[in-house]
Amino acid sequence: MKQRGAYKIYVVATHALLSGDAPVLIEESVIDQVIVTNTIPHDMQKLRCHKIQTVDISLLICEAIRCINHRESMGQLFRNVTLDD
């Protein structure tokens, strides 16, 4: 991708299974950053690869469960979302 003009390469995975040599392969690759959620712990993988960044979605999941239990729309969870969130 960089050979075709990409300045940065980002990978985003919601439920990343970074098993085996995945952290080393990512670290040695041209990928600039891998963004994953905290649905799976990545502490050990992050020690082997500085390119892995974890986004905490625990509050989103809790609120989704609350909406489901109260039979409320989950659409409200995705309104007014900013880049800082």
C-alpha atoms as a PDB file:
ATOM      1  CA  MET A   1       0.000   0.000   0.000  1.00  0.00           C
ATOM      2  CA  LYS A   2       2.825   2.394   0.780  1.00  0.00           C
ATOM      3  CA  GLN A   3       4.366   1.525  -2.583  1.00  0.00           C
ATOM      4  CA  ARG A   4       1.138   2.812  -4.138  1.00  0.00           C
ATOM      5  CA  GLY A   5       1.286   6.118  -2.270  1.00  0.00           C
ATOM      6  CA  ALA A   6      -0.258   5.520   1.154  1.00  0.00           C
ATOM      7  CA  TYR A   7       1.344   7.704   3.817  1.00  0.00           C
ATOM      8  CA  LYS A   8       0.080   5.729   6.795  1.00  0.00           C
ATOM      9  CA  ILE A   9      -1.511   2.308   7.193  1.00  0.00           C
ATOM     10  CA  TYR A  10      -3.996   1.754  10.005  1.00  0.00           C
ATOM     11  CA  VAL A  11      -5.693  -1.523  10.881  1.00  0.00           C
ATOM     12  CA  VAL A  12      -8.880  -1.494  12.970  1.00  0.00           C
ATOM     13  CA  ALA A  13     -10.265  -4.682  14.525  1.00  0.00           C
ATOM     14  CA  THR A  14     -13.163  -4.868  16.951  1.00  0.00           C
ATOM     15  CA  HIS A  15     -12.375  -8.307  18.407  1.00  0.00           C
ATOM     16  CA  ALA A  16      -8.731  -8.938  17.551  1.00  0.00           C
ATOM     17  CA  LEU A  17      -7.261 -12.369  18.199  1.00  0.00           C
ATOM     18  CA  LEU A  18      -3.556 -11.548  18.179  1.00  0.00           C
ATOM     19  CA  SER A  19      -2.200 -15.033  18.713  1.00  0.00           C
ATOM     20  CA  GLY A  20       1.174 -16.631  18.081  1.00  0.00           C
ATOM     21  CA  ASP A  21       3.622 -14.405  16.253  1.00  0.00           C
ATOM     22  CA  ALA A  22       1.013 -11.795  15.284  1.00  0.00           C
ATOM     23  CA  PRO A  23       2.554  -9.034  17.461  1.00  0.00           C
ATOM     24  CA  VAL A  24       6.023  -9.625  16.005  1.00  0.00           C
ATOM     25  CA  LEU A  25       4.676  -9.744  12.453  1.00  0.00           C
ATOM     26  CA  ILE A  26       2.793  -6.488  13.009  1.00  0.00           C
ATOM     27  CA  GLU A  27       5.844  -4.854  14.587  1.00  0.00           C
ATOM     28  CA  GLU A  28       8.006  -5.817  11.589  1.00  0.00           C
ATOM     29  CA  SER A  29       5.378  -4.806   9.012  1.00  0.00           C
ATOM     30  CA  VAL A  30       4.747  -1.479   7.279  1.00  0.00           C
ATOM     31  CA  ILE A  31       1.562  -1.061   9.324  1.00  0.00           C
ATOM     32  CA  ASP A  32       1.734   2.154  11.353  1.00  0.00           C
ATOM     33  CA  GLN A  33      -0.917   1.367  13.948  1.00  0.00           C
ATOM     34  CA  VAL A  34      -3.345  -1.410  14.895  1.00  0.00           C
ATOM     35  CA  ILE A  35      -6.385  -0.215  16.835  1.00  0.00           C
ATOM     36  CA  VAL A  36      -8.311  -2.893  18.735  1.00  0.00           C
ATOM     37  CA  THR A  37     -11.043  -2.950  21.371  1.00  0.00           C
ATOM     38  CA  ASN A  38     -10.695  -4.353  24.855  1.00  0.00           C
ATOM     39  CA  THR A  39     -13.118  -7.239  24.265  1.00  0.00           C
ATOM     40  CA  ILE A  40     -10.031  -9.467  24.488  1.00  0.00           C
ATOM     41  CA  PRO A  41      -7.020  -8.661  26.721  1.00  0.00           C
ATOM     42  CA  HIS A  42      -3.953  -7.600  24.700  1.00  0.00           C
ATOM     43  CA  ASP A  43      -1.521  -6.728  27.485  1.00  0.00           C
ATOM     44  CA  MET A  44       1.101  -9.343  26.586  1.00  0.00           C
ATOM     45  CA  GLN A  45       0.839  -8.627  22.847  1.00  0.00           C
ATOM     46  CA  LYS A  46       1.287  -4.900  23.473  1.00  0.00           C
ATOM     47  CA  LEU A  47       4.578  -5.621  25.236  1.00  0.00           C
ATOM     48  CA  ARG A  48       5.826  -7.210  21.999  1.00  0.00           C
ATOM     49  CA  CYS A  49       4.395  -4.583  19.634  1.00  0.00           C
ATOM     50  CA  HIS A  50       4.226  -0.847  20.271  1.00  0.00           C
ATOM     51  CA  LYS A  51       1.904  -0.378  17.283  1.00  0.00           C
ATOM     52  CA  ILE A  52      -1.105  -1.893  19.073  1.00  0.00           C
ATOM     53  CA  GLN A  53      -3.505   0.626  20.644  1.00  0.00           C
ATOM     54  CA  THR A  54      -6.522  -0.493  22.691  1.00  0.00           C
ATOM     55  CA  VAL A  55      -9.816   1.394  22.768  1.00  0.00           C
ATOM     56  CA  ASP A  56     -11.986   0.810  25.840  1.00  0.00           C
ATOM     57  CA  ILE A  57     -15.580   0.003  24.866  1.00  0.00           C
ATOM     58  CA  SER A  58     -16.734  -1.279  28.255  1.00  0.00           C
ATOM     59  CA  LEU A  59     -19.093   1.663  28.864  1.00  0.00           C
ATOM     60  CA  LEU A  60     -20.625   1.219  25.413  1.00  0.00           C
ATOM     61  CA  ILE A  61     -21.270  -2.470  26.060  1.00  0.00           C
ATOM     62  CA  CYS A  62     -22.748  -1.735  29.499  1.00  0.00           C
ATOM     63  CA  GLU A  63     -25.057   0.892  28.060  1.00  0.00           C
ATOM     64  CA  ALA A  64     -26.102  -1.442  25.225  1.00  0.00           C
ATOM     65  CA  ILE A  65     -27.024  -4.132  27.761  1.00  0.00           C
ATOM     66  CA  ARG A  66     -28.992  -1.559  29.765  1.00  0.00           C
ATOM     67  CA  CYS A  67     -30.897  -0.452  26.640  1.00  0.00           C
ATOM     68  CA  ILE A  68     -31.742  -4.038  25.754  1.00  0.00           C
ATOM     69  CA  ASN A  69     -32.935  -4.828  29.287  1.00  0.00           C
ATOM     70  CA  HIS A  70     -35.140  -1.729  29.345  1.00  0.00           C
ATOM     71  CA  ARG A  71     -36.366  -2.287  25.765  1.00  0.00           C
ATOM     72  CA  GLU A  72     -34.923   1.046  24.673  1.00  0.00           C
ATOM     73  CA  SER A  73     -33.478   1.945  21.298  1.00  0.00           C
ATOM     74  CA  MET A  74     -29.735   1.470  21.002  1.00  0.00           C
ATOM     75  CA  GLY A  75     -29.647   4.198  18.350  1.00  0.00           C
ATOM     76  CA  GLN A  76     -29.021   6.746  21.082  1.00  0.00           C
ATOM     77  CA  LEU A  77     -25.623   5.157  21.703  1.00  0.00           C
ATOM     78  CA  PHE A  78     -24.372   6.302  18.311  1.00  0.00           C
ATOM     79  CA  ARG A  79     -25.711   9.854  18.219  1.00  0.00           C
ATOM     80  CA  ASN A  80     -23.442  12.802  18.931  1.00  0.00           C
ATOM     81  CA  VAL A  81     -20.273  10.709  18.853  1.00  0.00           C
ATOM     82  CA  THR A  82     -17.161  12.852  18.448  1.00  0.00           C
ATOM     83  CA  LEU A  83     -13.688  11.892  17.331  1.00  0.00           C
ATOM     84  CA  ASP A  84     -12.520  12.366  20.919  1.00  0.00           C
ATOM     85  CA  ASP A  85     -14.847   9.580  22.086  1.00  0.00           C
END
